[in-house]
Amino acid sequence: MTNEPRTAIGTPTPDELREQVERTRDGLGQTIEALADKADIKAQAREKTAAMTEQAAATAGVVADQIRTKTLHAAQLVKDTTPEPVLDKAGRAASVVRANRKPLLVAGGAALVVLLLVRRGRRGR
């Protein structure tokens, strides 16, 4: 095996054959990696999950902003259209509730328990 140039028939030299083999090996290696990536279903699922999570987070942010804006607008409309005496009474009631939170929570919890017991008693009949 000598390093002679191609013959008239077109037979490649050993160096050319080695280069061709190297190119073919590189190409096959890339093809195998691509096929392995396609066959890795877990990795594909992780990628899709990450993409969907990112998209859901972005959408949730947009929706939250829209809800916040509409809520503020609705609250302002209610405030603008509600008569002043009603607003005063509601403000006083809210202050009383804030000042007496624990007794009101206990009373609400007791009322809920009574309601559930009554419903349970009616089902047994």
PDB file of N, CA and C in Angstrom:
ATOM      1  N   MET A   1       0.830  -1.165   0.000  1.00  0.00           N
ATOM      2  CA  MET A   1       0.000   0.000   0.000  1.00  0.00           C
ATOM      3  C   MET A   1       0.876   1.229   0.000  1.00  0.00           C
ATOM      4  N   THR A   2       0.884   1.878  -1.064  1.00  0.00           N
ATOM      5  CA  THR A   2       1.698   3.082  -1.198  1.00  0.00           C
ATOM      6  C   THR A   2       0.802   4.290  -1.292  1.00  0.00           C
ATOM      7  N   ASN A   3       1.380   5.455  -1.141  1.00  0.00           N
ATOM      8  CA  ASN A   3       0.633   6.703  -1.223  1.00  0.00           C
ATOM      9  C   ASN A   3       0.704   7.271  -2.634  1.00  0.00           C
ATOM     10  N   GLU A   4       0.359   6.483  -3.579  1.00  0.00           N
ATOM     11  CA  GLU A   4       0.391   6.930  -4.968  1.00  0.00           C
ATOM     12  C   GLU A   4      -0.914   7.630  -5.293  1.00  0.00           C
ATOM     13  N   PRO A   5      -0.887   8.581  -6.209  1.00  0.00           N
ATOM     14  CA  PRO A   5      -2.127   9.251  -6.615  1.00  0.00           C
ATOM     15  C   PRO A   5      -3.057   8.272  -7.335  1.00  0.00           C
ATOM     16  N   ARG A   6      -4.287   8.702  -7.519  1.00  0.00           N
ATOM     17  CA  ARG A   6      -5.272   7.835  -8.178  1.00  0.00           C
ATOM     18  C   ARG A   6      -4.772   7.371  -9.540  1.00  0.00           C
ATOM     19  N   THR A   7      -5.203   6.195  -9.803  1.00  0.00           N
ATOM     20  CA  THR A   7      -4.839   5.662 -11.114  1.00  0.00           C
ATOM     21  C   THR A   7      -5.820   6.166 -12.141  1.00  0.00           C
ATOM     22  N   ALA A   8      -5.633   5.838 -13.339  1.00  0.00           N
ATOM     23  CA  ALA A   8      -6.496   6.276 -14.420  1.00  0.00           C
ATOM     24  C   ALA A   8      -7.899   5.697 -14.264  1.00  0.00           C
ATOM     25  N   ILE A   9      -8.031   4.555 -13.577  1.00  0.00           N
ATOM     26  CA  ILE A   9      -9.334   3.907 -13.418  1.00  0.00           C
ATOM     27  C   ILE A   9     -10.161   4.637 -12.358  1.00  0.00           C
ATOM     28  N   GLY A  10      -9.525   5.381 -11.467  1.00  0.00           N
ATOM     29  CA  GLY A  10     -10.245   6.125 -10.447  1.00  0.00           C
ATOM     30  C   GLY A  10     -10.180   5.468  -9.084  1.00  0.00           C
ATOM     31  N   THR A  11      -9.249   4.613  -8.826  1.00  0.00           N
ATOM     32  CA  THR A  11      -9.102   3.974  -7.526  1.00  0.00           C
ATOM     33  C   THR A  11      -8.522   4.993  -6.554  1.00  0.00           C
ATOM     34  N   PRO A  12      -9.161   5.192  -5.391  1.00  0.00           N
ATOM     35  CA  PRO A  12      -8.656   6.179  -4.446  1.00  0.00           C
ATOM     36  C   PRO A  12      -7.402   5.682  -3.737  1.00  0.00           C
ATOM     37  N   THR A  13      -6.636   6.620  -3.309  1.00  0.00           N
ATOM     38  CA  THR A  13      -5.408   6.292  -2.572  1.00  0.00           C
ATOM     39  C   THR A  13      -5.787   5.904  -1.137  1.00  0.00           C
ATOM     40  N   PRO A  14      -4.880   5.290  -0.392  1.00  0.00           N
ATOM     41  CA  PRO A  14      -5.177   4.928   0.996  1.00  0.00           C
ATOM     42  C   PRO A  14      -5.531   6.139   1.861  1.00  0.00           C
ATOM     43  N   ASP A  15      -4.872   7.272   1.657  1.00  0.00           N
ATOM     44  CA  ASP A  15      -5.198   8.474   2.431  1.00  0.00           C
ATOM     45  C   ASP A  15      -6.621   8.943   2.131  1.00  0.00           C
ATOM     46  N   GLU A  16      -6.992   8.900   0.877  1.00  0.00           N
ATOM     47  CA  GLU A  16      -8.356   9.293   0.504  1.00  0.00           C
ATOM     48  C   GLU A  16      -9.374   8.339   1.123  1.00  0.00           C
ATOM     49  N   LEU A  17      -9.057   7.065   1.120  1.00  0.00           N
ATOM     50  CA  LEU A  17      -9.954   6.083   1.733  1.00  0.00           C
ATOM     51  C   LEU A  17     -10.106   6.343   3.225  1.00  0.00           C
ATOM     52  N   ARG A  18      -8.986   6.671   3.902  1.00  0.00           N
ATOM     53  CA  ARG A  18      -9.050   6.953   5.335  1.00  0.00           C
ATOM     54  C   ARG A  18      -9.936   8.181   5.604  1.00  0.00           C
ATOM     55  N   GLU A  19      -9.762   9.221   4.814  1.00  0.00           N
ATOM     56  CA  GLU A  19     -10.581  10.424   4.975  1.00  0.00           C
ATOM     57  C   GLU A  19     -12.057  10.107   4.748  1.00  0.00           C
ATOM     58  N   GLN A  20     -12.323   9.322   3.723  1.00  0.00           N
ATOM     59  CA  GLN A  20     -13.704   8.941   3.422  1.00  0.00           C
ATOM     60  C   GLN A  20     -14.309   8.134   4.580  1.00  0.00           C
ATOM     61  N   VAL A  21     -13.525   7.225   5.157  1.00  0.00           N
ATOM     62  CA  VAL A  21     -13.991   6.426   6.290  1.00  0.00           C
ATOM     63  C   VAL A  21     -14.278   7.332   7.480  1.00  0.00           C
ATOM     64  N   GLU A  22     -13.410   8.304   7.739  1.00  0.00           N
ATOM     65  CA  GLU A  22     -13.616   9.235   8.852  1.00  0.00           C
ATOM     66  C   GLU A  22     -14.891  10.054   8.655  1.00  0.00           C
ATOM     67  N   ARG A  23     -15.109  10.560   7.449  1.00  0.00           N
ATOM     68  CA  ARG A  23     -16.324  11.334   7.161  1.00  0.00           C
ATOM     69  C   ARG A  23     -17.564  10.467   7.355  1.00  0.00           C
ATOM     70  N   THR A  24     -17.489   9.231   6.899  1.00  0.00           N
ATOM     71  CA  THR A  24     -18.621   8.322   7.037  1.00  0.00           C
ATOM     72  C   THR A  24     -18.887   8.030   8.513  1.00  0.00           C
ATOM     73  N   ARG A  25     -17.823   7.810   9.299  1.00  0.00           N
ATOM     74  CA  ARG A  25     -17.991   7.561  10.736  1.00  0.00           C
ATOM     75  C   ARG A  25     -18.630   8.762  11.432  1.00  0.00           C
ATOM     76  N   ASP A  26     -18.173   9.969  11.102  1.00  0.00           N
ATOM     77  CA  ASP A  26     -18.754  11.175  11.697  1.00  0.00           C
ATOM     78  C   ASP A  26     -20.241  11.287  11.353  1.00  0.00           C
ATOM     79  N   GLY A  27     -20.540  11.048  10.086  1.00  0.00           N
ATOM     80  CA  GLY A  27     -21.946  11.117   9.649  1.00  0.00           C
ATOM     81  C   GLY A  27     -22.806  10.089  10.367  1.00  0.00           C
ATOM     82  N   LEU A  28     -22.303   8.877  10.493  1.00  0.00           N
ATOM     83  CA  LEU A  28     -23.052   7.826  11.189  1.00  0.00           C
ATOM     84  C   LEU A  28     -23.225   8.171  12.665  1.00  0.00           C
ATOM     85  N   GLY A  29     -22.179   8.726  13.267  1.00  0.00           N
ATOM     86  CA  GLY A  29     -22.280   9.119  14.672  1.00  0.00           C
ATOM     87  C   GLY A  29     -23.359  10.162  14.880  1.00  0.00           C
ATOM     88  N   GLN A  30     -23.423  11.148  14.002  1.00  0.00           N
ATOM     89  CA  GLN A  30     -24.449  12.183  14.108  1.00  0.00           C
ATOM     90  C   GLN A  30     -25.840  11.593  13.890  1.00  0.00           C
ATOM     91  N   THR A  31     -25.951  10.679  12.945  1.00  0.00           N
ATOM     92  CA  THR A  31     -27.237  10.036  12.680  1.00  0.00           C
ATOM     93  C   THR A  31     -27.694   9.227  13.884  1.00  0.00           C
ATOM     94  N   ILE A  32     -26.779   8.505  14.502  1.00  0.00           N
ATOM     95  CA  ILE A  32     -27.118   7.697  15.674  1.00  0.00           C
ATOM     96  C   ILE A  32     -27.552   8.588  16.828  1.00  0.00           C
ATOM     97  N   GLU A  33     -26.860   9.708  17.030  1.00  0.00           N
ATOM     98  CA  GLU A  33     -27.250  10.636  18.092  1.00  0.00           C
ATOM     99  C   GLU A  33     -28.650  11.193  17.844  1.00  0.00           C
ATOM    100  N   ALA A  34     -28.936  11.545  16.597  1.00  0.00           N
ATOM    101  CA  ALA A  34     -30.260  12.077  16.264  1.00  0.00           C
ATOM    102  C   ALA A  34     -31.340  11.028  16.512  1.00  0.00           C
ATOM    103  N   LEU A  35     -31.080   9.792  16.120  1.00  0.00           N
ATOM    104  CA  LEU A  35     -32.052   8.719  16.348  1.00  0.00           C
ATOM    105  C   LEU A  35     -32.233   8.452  17.841  1.00  0.00           C
ATOM    106  N   ALA A  36     -31.166   8.502  18.598  1.00  0.00           N
ATOM    107  CA  ALA A  36     -31.260   8.290  20.046  1.00  0.00           C
ATOM    108  C   ALA A  36     -32.091   9.399  20.694  1.00  0.00           C
ATOM    109  N   ASP A  37     -31.908  10.637  20.233  1.00  0.00           N
ATOM    110  CA  ASP A  37     -32.696  11.745  20.768  1.00  0.00           C
ATOM    111  C   ASP A  37     -34.179  11.548  20.461  1.00  0.00           C
ATOM    112  N   LYS A  38     -34.494  11.081  19.261  1.00  0.00           N
ATOM    113  CA  LYS A  38     -35.886  10.842  18.895  1.00  0.00           C
ATOM    114  C   LYS A  38     -36.479   9.696  19.698  1.00  0.00           C
ATOM    115  N   ALA A  39     -35.685   8.725  20.040  1.00  0.00           N
ATOM    116  CA  ALA A  39     -36.175   7.561  20.775  1.00  0.00           C
ATOM    117  C   ALA A  39     -36.289   7.835  22.276  1.00  0.00           C
ATOM    118  N   ASP A  40     -35.684   8.896  22.782  1.00  0.00           N
ATOM    119  CA  ASP A  40     -35.721   9.207  24.209  1.00  0.00           C
ATOM    120  C   ASP A  40     -37.033   9.911  24.545  1.00  0.00           C
ATOM    121  N   ILE A  41     -38.056   9.125  24.810  1.00  0.00           N
ATOM    122  CA  ILE A  41     -39.394   9.643  25.044  1.00  0.00           C
ATOM    123  C   ILE A  41     -39.457  10.435  26.348  1.00  0.00           C
ATOM    124  N   LYS A  42     -38.736   9.992  27.369  1.00  0.00           N
ATOM    125  CA  LYS A  42     -38.746  10.709  28.646  1.00  0.00           C
ATOM    126  C   LYS A  42     -38.202  12.126  28.474  1.00  0.00           C
ATOM    127  N   ALA A  43     -37.131  12.254  27.727  1.00  0.00           N
ATOM    128  CA  ALA A  43     -36.551  13.584  27.511  1.00  0.00           C
ATOM    129  C   ALA A  43     -37.519  14.472  26.728  1.00  0.00           C
ATOM    130  N   GLN A  44     -38.175  13.887  25.736  1.00  0.00           N
ATOM    131  CA  GLN A  44     -39.150  14.654  24.963  1.00  0.00           C
ATOM    132  C   GLN A  44     -40.300  15.099  25.862  1.00  0.00           C
ATOM    133  N   ALA A  45     -40.759  14.204  26.734  1.00  0.00           N
ATOM    134  CA  ALA A  45     -41.849  14.551  27.643  1.00  0.00           C
ATOM    135  C   ALA A  45     -41.420  15.661  28.592  1.00  0.00           C
ATOM    136  N   ARG A  46     -40.183  15.584  29.095  1.00  0.00           N
ATOM    137  CA  ARG A  46     -39.687  16.637  29.981  1.00  0.00           C
ATOM    138  C   ARG A  46     -39.633  17.982  29.261  1.00  0.00           C
ATOM    139  N   GLU A  47     -39.173  17.967  28.018  1.00  0.00           N
ATOM    140  CA  GLU A  47     -39.087  19.207  27.253  1.00  0.00           C
ATOM    141  C   GLU A  47     -40.474  19.799  27.012  1.00  0.00           C
ATOM    142  N   LYS A  48     -41.423  18.934  26.640  1.00  0.00           N
ATOM    143  CA  LYS A  48     -42.785  19.422  26.397  1.00  0.00           C
ATOM    144  C   LYS A  48     -43.409  19.935  27.682  1.00  0.00           C
ATOM    145  N   THR A  49     -43.173  19.236  28.787  1.00  0.00           N
ATOM    146  CA  THR A  49     -43.712  19.670  30.072  1.00  0.00           C
ATOM    147  C   THR A  49     -43.144  21.025  30.462  1.00  0.00           C
ATOM    148  N   ALA A  50     -41.848  21.188  30.283  1.00  0.00           N
ATOM    149  CA  ALA A  50     -41.219  22.471  30.615  1.00  0.00           C
ATOM    150  C   ALA A  50     -41.796  23.592  29.748  1.00  0.00           C
ATOM    151  N   ALA A  51     -41.983  23.319  28.465  1.00  0.00           N
ATOM    152  CA  ALA A  51     -42.528  24.337  27.567  1.00  0.00           C
ATOM    153  C   ALA A  51     -43.959  24.689  27.951  1.00  0.00           C
ATOM    154  N   MET A  52     -44.754  23.673  28.267  1.00  0.00           N
ATOM    155  CA  MET A  52     -46.149  23.923  28.634  1.00  0.00           C
ATOM    156  C   MET A  52     -46.240  24.651  29.973  1.00  0.00           C
ATOM    157  N   THR A  53     -45.357  24.313  30.910  1.00  0.00           N
ATOM    158  CA  THR A  53     -45.345  24.995  32.200  1.00  0.00           C
ATOM    159  C   THR A  53     -45.005  26.466  32.016  1.00  0.00           C
ATOM    160  N   GLU A  54     -44.030  26.723  31.185  1.00  0.00           N
ATOM    161  CA  GLU A  54     -43.634  28.113  30.914  1.00  0.00           C
ATOM    162  C   GLU A  54     -44.780  28.879  30.267  1.00  0.00           C
ATOM    163  N   GLN A  55     -45.448  28.238  29.307  1.00  0.00           N
ATOM    164  CA  GLN A  55     -46.564  28.881  28.621  1.00  0.00           C
ATOM    165  C   GLN A  55     -47.724  29.119  29.593  1.00  0.00           C
ATOM    166  N   ALA A  56     -48.005  28.143  30.457  1.00  0.00           N
ATOM    167  CA  ALA A  56     -49.092  28.295  31.429  1.00  0.00           C
ATOM    168  C   ALA A  56     -48.795  29.422  32.404  1.00  0.00           C
ATOM    169  N   ALA A  57     -47.544  29.534  32.833  1.00  0.00           N
ATOM    170  CA  ALA A  57     -47.173  30.605  33.759  1.00  0.00           C
ATOM    171  C   ALA A  57     -47.355  31.971  33.101  1.00  0.00           C
ATOM    172  N   ALA A  58     -46.963  32.069  31.857  1.00  0.00           N
ATOM    173  CA  ALA A  58     -47.124  33.342  31.147  1.00  0.00           C
ATOM    174  C   ALA A  58     -48.602  33.681  30.989  1.00  0.00           C
ATOM    175  N   THR A  59     -49.399  32.688  30.621  1.00  0.00           N
ATOM    176  CA  THR A  59     -50.834  32.907  30.452  1.00  0.00           C
ATOM    177  C   THR A  59     -51.483  33.275  31.775  1.00  0.00           C
ATOM    178  N   ALA A  60     -51.091  32.594  32.849  1.00  0.00           N
ATOM    179  CA  ALA A  60     -51.650  32.888  34.165  1.00  0.00           C
ATOM    180  C   ALA A  60     -51.334  34.322  34.577  1.00  0.00           C
ATOM    181  N   GLY A  61     -50.142  34.777  34.276  1.00  0.00           N
ATOM    182  CA  GLY A  61     -49.781  36.156  34.595  1.00  0.00           C
ATOM    183  C   GLY A  61     -50.650  37.159  33.855  1.00  0.00           C
ATOM    184  N   VAL A  62     -50.881  36.896  32.590  1.00  0.00           N
ATOM    185  CA  VAL A  62     -51.713  37.794  31.788  1.00  0.00           C
ATOM    186  C   VAL A  62     -53.148  37.794  32.321  1.00  0.00           C
ATOM    187  N   VAL A  63     -53.677  36.600  32.602  1.00  0.00           N
ATOM    188  CA  VAL A  63     -55.047  36.494  33.102  1.00  0.00           C
ATOM    189  C   VAL A  63     -55.177  37.174  34.470  1.00  0.00           C
ATOM    190  N   ALA A  64     -54.186  36.977  35.326  1.00  0.00           N
ATOM    191  CA  ALA A  64     -54.223  37.617  36.648  1.00  0.00           C
ATOM    192  C   ALA A  64     -54.252  39.141  36.509  1.00  0.00           C
ATOM    193  N   ASP A  65     -53.466  39.667  35.592  1.00  0.00           N
ATOM    194  CA  ASP A  65     -53.472  41.115  35.368  1.00  0.00           C
ATOM    195  C   ASP A  65     -54.837  41.588  34.870  1.00  0.00           C
ATOM    196  N   GLN A  66     -55.442  40.821  33.964  1.00  0.00           N
ATOM    197  CA  GLN A  66     -56.764  41.187  33.447  1.00  0.00           C
ATOM    198  C   GLN A  66     -57.808  41.157  34.558  1.00  0.00           C
ATOM    199  N   ILE A  67     -57.754  40.125  35.396  1.00  0.00           N
ATOM    200  CA  ILE A  67     -58.717  40.020  36.497  1.00  0.00           C
ATOM    201  C   ILE A  67     -58.531  41.174  37.470  1.00  0.00           C
ATOM    202  N   ARG A  68     -57.274  41.466  37.795  1.00  0.00           N
ATOM    203  CA  ARG A  68     -56.988  42.566  38.718  1.00  0.00           C
ATOM    204  C   ARG A  68     -57.539  43.877  38.169  1.00  0.00           C
ATOM    205  N   THR A  69     -57.313  44.131  36.886  1.00  0.00           N
ATOM    206  CA  THR A  69     -57.784  45.369  36.267  1.00  0.00           C
ATOM    207  C   THR A  69     -59.304  45.446  36.286  1.00  0.00           C
ATOM    208  N   LYS A  70     -59.964  44.356  35.928  1.00  0.00           N
ATOM    209  CA  LYS A  70     -61.436  44.356  35.890  1.00  0.00           C
ATOM    210  C   LYS A  70     -62.016  44.475  37.298  1.00  0.00           C
ATOM    211  N   THR A  71     -61.365  43.845  38.272  1.00  0.00           N
ATOM    212  CA  THR A  71     -61.848  43.940  39.651  1.00  0.00           C
ATOM    213  C   THR A  71     -61.752  45.368  40.161  1.00  0.00           C
ATOM    214  N   LEU A  72     -60.623  46.007  39.895  1.00  0.00           N
ATOM    215  CA  LEU A  72     -60.473  47.401  40.313  1.00  0.00           C
ATOM    216  C   LEU A  72     -61.509  48.299  39.643  1.00  0.00           C
ATOM    217  N   HIS A  73     -61.759  48.035  38.365  1.00  0.00           N
ATOM    218  CA  HIS A  73     -62.754  48.813  37.626  1.00  0.00           C
ATOM    219  C   HIS A  73     -64.149  48.591  38.221  1.00  0.00           C
ATOM    220  N   ALA A  74     -64.495  47.330  38.511  1.00  0.00           N
ATOM    221  CA  ALA A  74     -65.807  47.024  39.091  1.00  0.00           C
ATOM    222  C   ALA A  74     -65.946  47.651  40.474  1.00  0.00           C
ATOM    223  N   ALA A  75     -64.891  47.585  41.274  1.00  0.00           N
ATOM    224  CA  ALA A  75     -64.938  48.185  42.612  1.00  0.00           C
ATOM    225  C   ALA A  75     -65.145  49.688  42.515  1.00  0.00           C
ATOM    226  N   GLN A  76     -64.495  50.305  41.572  1.00  0.00           N
ATOM    227  CA  GLN A  76     -64.653  51.748  41.397  1.00  0.00           C
ATOM    228  C   GLN A  76     -66.077  52.082  40.947  1.00  0.00           C
ATOM    229  N   LEU A  77     -66.644  51.263  40.057  1.00  0.00           N
ATOM    230  CA  LEU A  77     -68.031  51.488  39.621  1.00  0.00           C
ATOM    231  C   LEU A  77     -68.999  51.361  40.793  1.00  0.00           C
ATOM    232  N   VAL A  78     -68.788  50.336  41.628  1.00  0.00           N
ATOM    233  CA  VAL A  78     -69.659  50.154  42.792  1.00  0.00           C
ATOM    234  C   VAL A  78     -69.533  51.347  43.732  1.00  0.00           C
ATOM    235  N   LYS A  79     -68.322  51.779  43.957  1.00  0.00           N
ATOM    236  CA  LYS A  79     -68.100  52.914  44.854  1.00  0.00           C
ATOM    237  C   LYS A  79     -68.741  54.184  44.302  1.00  0.00           C
ATOM    238  N   ASP A  80     -68.635  54.380  42.984  1.00  0.00           N
ATOM    239  CA  ASP A  80     -69.201  55.580  42.365  1.00  0.00           C
ATOM    240  C   ASP A  80     -70.725  55.575  42.381  1.00  0.00           C
ATOM    241  N   THR A  81     -71.341  54.397  42.274  1.00  0.00           N
ATOM    242  CA  THR A  81     -72.807  54.336  42.164  1.00  0.00           C
ATOM    243  C   THR A  81     -73.510  54.086  43.495  1.00  0.00           C
ATOM    244  N   THR A  82     -72.782  53.733  44.541  1.00  0.00           N
ATOM    245  CA  THR A  82     -73.392  53.469  45.843  1.00  0.00           C
ATOM    246  C   THR A  82     -73.575  54.783  46.598  1.00  0.00           C
ATOM    247  N   PRO A  83     -74.762  54.987  47.174  1.00  0.00           N
ATOM    248  CA  PRO A  83     -74.997  56.230  47.938  1.00  0.00           C
ATOM    249  C   PRO A  83     -74.065  56.330  49.144  1.00  0.00           C
ATOM    250  N   GLU A  84     -73.764  57.545  49.542  1.00  0.00           N
ATOM    251  CA  GLU A  84     -72.821  57.802  50.632  1.00  0.00           C
ATOM    252  C   GLU A  84     -73.255  57.178  51.959  1.00  0.00           C
ATOM    253  N   PRO A  85     -74.540  57.238  52.347  1.00  0.00           N
ATOM    254  CA  PRO A  85     -74.929  56.627  53.624  1.00  0.00           C
ATOM    255  C   PRO A  85     -74.683  55.105  53.654  1.00  0.00           C
ATOM    256  N   VAL A  86     -74.882  54.448  52.549  1.00  0.00           N
ATOM    257  CA  VAL A  86     -74.649  53.002  52.478  1.00  0.00           C
ATOM    258  C   VAL A  86     -73.151  52.712  52.619  1.00  0.00           C
ATOM    259  N   LEU A  87     -72.325  53.520  51.974  1.00  0.00           N
ATOM    260  CA  LEU A  87     -70.874  53.347  52.096  1.00  0.00           C
ATOM    261  C   LEU A  87     -70.422  53.546  53.545  1.00  0.00           C
ATOM    262  N   ASP A  88     -71.006  54.529  54.227  1.00  0.00           N
ATOM    263  CA  ASP A  88     -70.641  54.781  55.626  1.00  0.00           C
ATOM    264  C   ASP A  88     -71.001  53.581  56.502  1.00  0.00           C
ATOM    265  N   LYS A  89     -72.218  53.053  56.320  1.00  0.00           N
ATOM    266  CA  LYS A  89     -72.653  51.907  57.120  1.00  0.00           C
ATOM    267  C   LYS A  89     -71.789  50.679  56.821  1.00  0.00           C
ATOM    268  N   ALA A  90     -71.459  50.464  55.571  1.00  0.00           N
ATOM    269  CA  ALA A  90     -70.619  49.321  55.204  1.00  0.00           C
ATOM    270  C   ALA A  90     -69.224  49.474  55.811  1.00  0.00           C
ATOM    271  N   GLY A  91     -68.719  50.677  55.822  1.00  0.00           N
ATOM    272  CA  GLY A  91     -67.415  50.928  56.418  1.00  0.00           C
ATOM    273  C   GLY A  91     -67.420  50.665  57.911  1.00  0.00           C
ATOM    274  N   ARG A  92     -68.493  51.082  58.589  1.00  0.00           N
ATOM    275  CA  ARG A  92     -68.604  50.817  60.028  1.00  0.00           C
ATOM    276  C   ARG A  92     -68.726  49.317  60.296  1.00  0.00           C
ATOM    277  N   ALA A  93     -69.511  48.633  59.498  1.00  0.00           N
ATOM    278  CA  ALA A  93     -69.674  47.181  59.679  1.00  0.00           C
ATOM    279  C   ALA A  93     -68.344  46.466  59.474  1.00  0.00           C
ATOM    280  N   ALA A  94     -67.598  46.881  58.479  1.00  0.00           N
ATOM    281  CA  ALA A  94     -66.288  46.268  58.229  1.00  0.00           C
ATOM    282  C   ALA A  94     -65.353  46.513  59.408  1.00  0.00           C
ATOM    283  N   SER A  95     -65.413  47.688  59.999  1.00  0.00           N
ATOM    284  CA  SER A  95     -64.570  47.983  61.163  1.00  0.00           C
ATOM    285  C   SER A  95     -64.934  47.094  62.346  1.00  0.00           C
ATOM    286  N   VAL A  96     -66.236  46.896  62.572  1.00  0.00           N
ATOM    287  CA  VAL A  96     -66.689  46.028  63.666  1.00  0.00           C
ATOM    288  C   VAL A  96     -66.215  44.600  63.433  1.00  0.00           C
ATOM    289  N   VAL A  97     -66.321  44.130  62.195  1.00  0.00           N
ATOM    290  CA  VAL A  97     -65.894  42.768  61.872  1.00  0.00           C
ATOM    291  C   VAL A  97     -64.391  42.623  62.101  1.00  0.00           C
ATOM    292  N   ARG A  98     -63.617  43.599  61.670  1.00  0.00           N
ATOM    293  CA  ARG A  98     -62.163  43.527  61.865  1.00  0.00           C
ATOM    294  C   ARG A  98     -61.799  43.527  63.350  1.00  0.00           C
ATOM    295  N   ALA A  99     -62.535  44.278  64.137  1.00  0.00           N
ATOM    296  CA  ALA A  99     -62.241  44.370  65.559  1.00  0.00           C
ATOM    297  C   ALA A  99     -62.631  43.096  66.310  1.00  0.00           C
ATOM    298  N   ASN A 100     -63.640  42.381  65.831  1.00  0.00           N
ATOM    299  CA  ASN A 100     -64.161  41.189  66.516  1.00  0.00           C
ATOM    300  C   ASN A 100     -64.012  39.941  65.646  1.00  0.00           C
ATOM    301  N   ARG A 101     -62.877  39.743  65.091  1.00  0.00           N
ATOM    302  CA  ARG A 101     -62.660  38.643  64.162  1.00  0.00           C
ATOM    303  C   ARG A 101     -62.854  37.267  64.800  1.00  0.00           C
ATOM    304  N   LYS A 102     -62.226  37.033  65.943  1.00  0.00           N
ATOM    305  CA  LYS A 102     -62.269  35.703  66.564  1.00  0.00           C
ATOM    306  C   LYS A 102     -63.682  35.285  66.945  1.00  0.00           C
ATOM    307  N   PRO A 103     -64.444  36.119  67.663  1.00  0.00           N
ATOM    308  CA  PRO A 103     -65.811  35.682  68.007  1.00  0.00           C
ATOM    309  C   PRO A 103     -66.675  35.413  66.775  1.00  0.00           C
ATOM    310  N   LEU A 104     -66.492  36.220  65.730  1.00  0.00           N
ATOM    311  CA  LEU A 104     -67.280  36.007  64.509  1.00  0.00           C
ATOM    312  C   LEU A 104     -66.868  34.716  63.812  1.00  0.00           C
ATOM    313  N   LEU A 105     -65.579  34.406  63.800  1.00  0.00           N
ATOM    314  CA  LEU A 105     -65.129  33.152  63.199  1.00  0.00           C
ATOM    315  C   LEU A 105     -65.651  31.947  63.982  1.00  0.00           C
ATOM    316  N   VAL A 106     -65.638  32.044  65.300  1.00  0.00           N
ATOM    317  CA  VAL A 106     -66.155  30.951  66.125  1.00  0.00           C
ATOM    318  C   VAL A 106     -67.648  30.775  65.875  1.00  0.00           C
ATOM    319  N   ALA A 107     -68.382  31.869  65.817  1.00  0.00           N
ATOM    320  CA  ALA A 107     -69.823  31.789  65.572  1.00  0.00           C
ATOM    321  C   ALA A 107     -70.107  31.218  64.190  1.00  0.00           C
ATOM    322  N   GLY A 108     -69.334  31.637  63.198  1.00  0.00           N
ATOM    323  CA  GLY A 108     -69.510  31.098  61.843  1.00  0.00           C
ATOM    324  C   GLY A 108     -69.195  29.615  61.793  1.00  0.00           C
ATOM    325  N   GLY A 109     -68.142  29.189  62.482  1.00  0.00           N
ATOM    326  CA  GLY A 109     -67.793  27.766  62.527  1.00  0.00           C
ATOM    327  C   GLY A 109     -68.873  26.951  63.209  1.00  0.00           C
ATOM    328  N   ALA A 110     -69.424  27.474  64.316  1.00  0.00           N
ATOM    329  CA  ALA A 110     -70.503  26.776  65.012  1.00  0.00           C
ATOM    330  C   ALA A 110     -71.730  26.655  64.121  1.00  0.00           C
ATOM    331  N   ALA A 111     -72.063  27.725  63.405  1.00  0.00           N
ATOM    332  CA  ALA A 111     -73.212  27.686  62.497  1.00  0.00           C
ATOM    333  C   ALA A 111     -72.989  26.643  61.404  1.00  0.00           C
ATOM    334  N   LEU A 112     -71.778  26.537  60.901  1.00  0.00           N
ATOM    335  CA  LEU A 112     -71.466  25.551  59.873  1.00  0.00           C
ATOM    336  C   LEU A 112     -71.625  24.133  60.410  1.00  0.00           C
ATOM    337  N   VAL A 113     -71.151  23.891  61.622  1.00  0.00           N
ATOM    338  CA  VAL A 113     -71.277  22.559  62.231  1.00  0.00           C
ATOM    339  C   VAL A 113     -72.741  22.203  62.413  1.00  0.00           C
ATOM    340  N   VAL A 114     -73.545  23.145  62.914  1.00  0.00           N
ATOM    341  CA  VAL A 114     -74.979  22.892  63.094  1.00  0.00           C
ATOM    342  C   VAL A 114     -75.631  22.580  61.750  1.00  0.00           C
ATOM    343  N   LEU A 115     -75.323  23.348  60.740  1.00  0.00           N
ATOM    344  CA  LEU A 115     -75.881  23.112  59.406  1.00  0.00           C
ATOM    345  C   LEU A 115     -75.524  21.721  58.899  1.00  0.00           C
ATOM    346  N   LEU A 116     -74.255  21.313  59.052  1.00  0.00           N
ATOM    347  CA  LEU A 116     -73.834  19.985  58.594  1.00  0.00           C
ATOM    348  C   LEU A 116     -74.531  18.874  59.374  1.00  0.00           C
ATOM    349  N   LEU A 117     -74.716  19.054  60.689  1.00  0.00           N
ATOM    350  CA  LEU A 117     -75.412  18.051  61.495  1.00  0.00           C
ATOM    351  C   LEU A 117     -76.877  17.929  61.088  1.00  0.00           C
ATOM    352  N   VAL A 118     -77.520  19.051  60.809  1.00  0.00           N
ATOM    353  CA  VAL A 118     -78.919  19.022  60.373  1.00  0.00           C
ATOM    354  C   VAL A 118     -79.035  18.302  59.037  1.00  0.00           C
ATOM    355  N   ARG A 119     -78.160  18.606  58.102  1.00  0.00           N
ATOM    356  CA  ARG A 119     -78.195  17.937  56.788  1.00  0.00           C
ATOM    357  C   ARG A 119     -77.944  16.443  56.920  1.00  0.00           C
ATOM    358  N   ARG A 120     -77.028  16.077  57.794  1.00  0.00           N
ATOM    359  CA  ARG A 120     -76.707  14.673  57.996  1.00  0.00           C
ATOM    360  C   ARG A 120     -77.894  13.932  58.627  1.00  0.00           C
ATOM    361  N   GLY A 121     -78.572  14.595  59.547  1.00  0.00           N
ATOM    362  CA  GLY A 121     -79.744  13.993  60.170  1.00  0.00           C
ATOM    363  C   GLY A 121     -80.891  13.790  59.178  1.00  0.00           C
ATOM    364  N   ARG A 122     -81.047  14.694  58.246  1.00  0.00           N
ATOM    365  CA  ARG A 122     -82.108  14.560  57.242  1.00  0.00           C
ATOM    366  C   ARG A 122     -81.815  13.448  56.244  1.00  0.00           C
ATOM    367  N   ARG A 123     -80.568  13.202  55.949  1.00  0.00           N
ATOM    368  CA  ARG A 123     -80.208  12.125  55.008  1.00  0.00           C
ATOM    369  C   ARG A 123     -80.503  10.739  55.593  1.00  0.00           C
ATOM    370  N   GLY A 124     -80.375  10.631  56.907  1.00  0.00           N
ATOM    371  CA  GLY A 124     -80.576   9.337  57.574  1.00  0.00           C
ATOM    372  C   GLY A 124     -82.037   8.908  57.597  1.00  0.00           C
ATOM    373  N   ARG A 125     -82.943   9.811  57.345  1.00  0.00           N
ATOM    374  CA  ARG A 125     -84.376   9.487  57.408  1.00  0.00           C
ATOM    375  C   ARG A 125     -84.885   8.782  56.202  1.00  0.00           C
TER     376      ARG A 125
END
